[in-house]
Structures are given as structure tokens and as C-alpha cells.
Amino acid sequence: MGVEQIAQASYASQGIRQAFKRLTEAQQTILQLAFFEDMSHQEISDRTGIPLGTVKSHARRGLAALREVLGDEGRDLSV
């Protein structure tokens, strides 16, 4: 990986962290579990006690908010 690629990755990572801070606490928790622990919506619901439909809504709205803030960088985000 070259210096330019490292700089781009760092910039993108910084943007994602800033965008993530704009989400609600519930959205952050759900997306963290989905992305970093590779949990399904049902597994997140079971672990958190949040109803399945609410988990799905928070995930969908959280991803939409990230895409909006990140623009083209966020177009490939999905849970």
C-alpha cells in the first residue's frame, strides 16, 4: 500500500468516524454490532432486547444517515 492509499484510507476513516457521531446511540450500537461483530438483525435483537423491527429500522435509518453525510464514499455501505 502506497503513501497516497494510506492517506486516502485515513481520510475516509476519519469521515466515517465523524459521520458515526451524528447517529443516535441506538443506531451506533446496532451498526457496531452488525459491522464489527458480524451479527444479524435477529442476533442484535436477542442481545440488546430491542424488538427486531426496531433493530431493522435503526439500521436502515443509520445507514441512510451515513450515506447522506459521506456522499459518494458511503454508497457501498450495507448491513
C-alpha atoms as a PDB file:
ATOM      1  CA  MET A   1       0.000   0.000   0.000  1.00  0.00           C
ATOM      2  CA  GLY A   2       1.440   3.339  -1.060  1.00  0.00           C
ATOM      3  CA  VAL A   3       1.511   6.609   0.846  1.00  0.00           C
ATOM      4  CA  GLU A   4      -1.371   8.012  -1.221  1.00  0.00           C
ATOM      5  CA  GLN A   5      -3.555   4.979  -0.485  1.00  0.00           C
ATOM      6  CA  ILE A   6      -2.761   5.189   3.222  1.00  0.00           C
ATOM      7  CA  ALA A   7      -3.668   8.893   3.229  1.00  0.00           C
ATOM      8  CA  GLN A   8      -6.949   8.194   1.413  1.00  0.00           C
ATOM      9  CA  ALA A   9      -7.831   5.384   3.822  1.00  0.00           C
ATOM     10  CA  SER A  10      -7.069   7.615   6.804  1.00  0.00           C
ATOM     11  CA  TYR A  11      -9.195  10.427   5.377  1.00  0.00           C
ATOM     12  CA  ALA A  12     -12.111   8.062   4.703  1.00  0.00           C
ATOM     13  CA  SER A  13     -11.814   6.539   8.164  1.00  0.00           C
ATOM     14  CA  GLN A  14     -11.898   9.997   9.727  1.00  0.00           C
ATOM     15  CA  GLY A  15     -15.019  10.869   7.725  1.00  0.00           C
ATOM     16  CA  ILE A  16     -16.781   7.703   8.806  1.00  0.00           C
ATOM     17  CA  ARG A  17     -15.969   8.353  12.476  1.00  0.00           C
ATOM     18  CA  GLN A  18     -17.324  11.901  12.229  1.00  0.00           C
ATOM     19  CA  ALA A  19     -20.473  10.722  10.435  1.00  0.00           C
ATOM     20  CA  PHE A  20     -20.958   7.969  13.011  1.00  0.00           C
ATOM     21  CA  LYS A  21     -21.008  10.536  15.829  1.00  0.00           C
ATOM     22  CA  ARG A  22     -24.115  12.102  14.273  1.00  0.00           C
ATOM     23  CA  LEU A  23     -26.156   8.915  14.688  1.00  0.00           C
ATOM     24  CA  THR A  24     -28.342   8.193  17.673  1.00  0.00           C
ATOM     25  CA  GLU A  25     -26.883   5.966  20.368  1.00  0.00           C
ATOM     26  CA  ALA A  26     -29.197   3.109  19.337  1.00  0.00           C
ATOM     27  CA  GLN A  27     -28.151   3.435  15.674  1.00  0.00           C
ATOM     28  CA  GLN A  28     -24.482   3.439  16.649  1.00  0.00           C
ATOM     29  CA  THR A  29     -24.878   0.346  18.816  1.00  0.00           C
ATOM     30  CA  ILE A  30     -26.799  -1.582  16.171  1.00  0.00           C
ATOM     31  CA  LEU A  31     -24.407  -0.710  13.360  1.00  0.00           C
ATOM     32  CA  GLN A  32     -21.372  -1.512  15.518  1.00  0.00           C
ATOM     33  CA  LEU A  33     -22.797  -4.936  16.306  1.00  0.00           C
ATOM     34  CA  ALA A  34     -23.668  -5.520  12.657  1.00  0.00           C
ATOM     35  CA  PHE A  35     -20.344  -4.365  11.194  1.00  0.00           C
ATOM     36  CA  PHE A  36     -17.764  -5.244  13.844  1.00  0.00           C
ATOM     37  CA  GLU A  37     -19.320  -8.350  15.362  1.00  0.00           C
ATOM     38  CA  ASP A  38     -20.973  -9.513  12.120  1.00  0.00           C
ATOM     39  CA  MET A  39     -24.294 -10.014  13.876  1.00  0.00           C
ATOM     40  CA  SER A  40     -27.616 -10.453  12.085  1.00  0.00           C
ATOM     41  CA  HIS A  41     -30.616  -8.281  12.897  1.00  0.00           C
ATOM     42  CA  GLN A  42     -32.096 -11.164  14.894  1.00  0.00           C
ATOM     43  CA  GLU A  43     -28.875 -11.644  16.879  1.00  0.00           C
ATOM     44  CA  ILE A  44     -28.749  -7.920  17.642  1.00  0.00           C
ATOM     45  CA  SER A  45     -32.363  -8.038  18.794  1.00  0.00           C
ATOM     46  CA  ASP A  46     -31.650 -11.030  21.030  1.00  0.00           C
ATOM     47  CA  ARG A  47     -28.559  -9.431  22.570  1.00  0.00           C
ATOM     48  CA  THR A  48     -29.973  -5.941  23.117  1.00  0.00           C
ATOM     49  CA  GLY A  49     -33.614  -6.747  23.830  1.00  0.00           C
ATOM     50  CA  ILE A  50     -34.668  -4.267  21.154  1.00  0.00           C
ATOM     51  CA  PRO A  51     -37.570  -5.590  19.042  1.00  0.00           C
ATOM     52  CA  LEU A  52     -36.495  -6.977  15.660  1.00  0.00           C
ATOM     53  CA  GLY A  53     -38.477  -4.414  13.653  1.00  0.00           C
ATOM     54  CA  THR A  54     -36.904  -1.584  15.634  1.00  0.00           C
ATOM     55  CA  VAL A  55     -33.418  -3.022  15.055  1.00  0.00           C
ATOM     56  CA  LYS A  56     -34.101  -3.102  11.313  1.00  0.00           C
ATOM     57  CA  SER A  57     -35.455   0.466  11.351  1.00  0.00           C
ATOM     58  CA  HIS A  58     -32.478   1.797  13.295  1.00  0.00           C
ATOM     59  CA  ALA A  59     -30.058   0.003  10.966  1.00  0.00           C
ATOM     60  CA  ARG A  60     -31.794   1.317   7.850  1.00  0.00           C
ATOM     61  CA  ARG A  61     -32.015   4.896   9.131  1.00  0.00           C
ATOM     62  CA  GLY A  62     -28.459   4.823  10.451  1.00  0.00           C
ATOM     63  CA  LEU A  63     -27.080   3.642   7.128  1.00  0.00           C
ATOM     64  CA  ALA A  64     -29.124   6.239   5.276  1.00  0.00           C
ATOM     65  CA  ALA A  65     -27.726   8.958   7.540  1.00  0.00           C
ATOM     66  CA  LEU A  66     -24.166   7.722   6.991  1.00  0.00           C
ATOM     67  CA  ARG A  67     -24.669   7.636   3.230  1.00  0.00           C
ATOM     68  CA  GLU A  68     -26.053  11.159   3.289  1.00  0.00           C
ATOM     69  CA  VAL A  69     -23.141  12.536   5.292  1.00  0.00           C
ATOM     70  CA  LEU A  70     -20.472  10.591   3.396  1.00  0.00           C
ATOM     71  CA  GLY A  71     -21.888  11.161  -0.087  1.00  0.00           C
ATOM     72  CA  ASP A  72     -20.071   9.062  -2.690  1.00  0.00           C
ATOM     73  CA  GLU A  73     -17.826   7.477  -0.041  1.00  0.00           C
ATOM     74  CA  GLY A  74     -20.874   5.908   1.659  1.00  0.00           C
ATOM     75  CA  ARG A  75     -22.611   4.488  -1.400  1.00  0.00           C
ATOM     76  CA  ASP A  76     -21.366   0.933  -0.724  1.00  0.00           C
ATOM     77  CA  LEU A  77     -22.450   0.753   2.934  1.00  0.00           C
ATOM     78  CA  SER A  78     -24.857  -2.048   3.715  1.00  0.00           C
ATOM     79  CA  VAL A  79     -25.732  -4.334   6.608  1.00  0.00           C
END
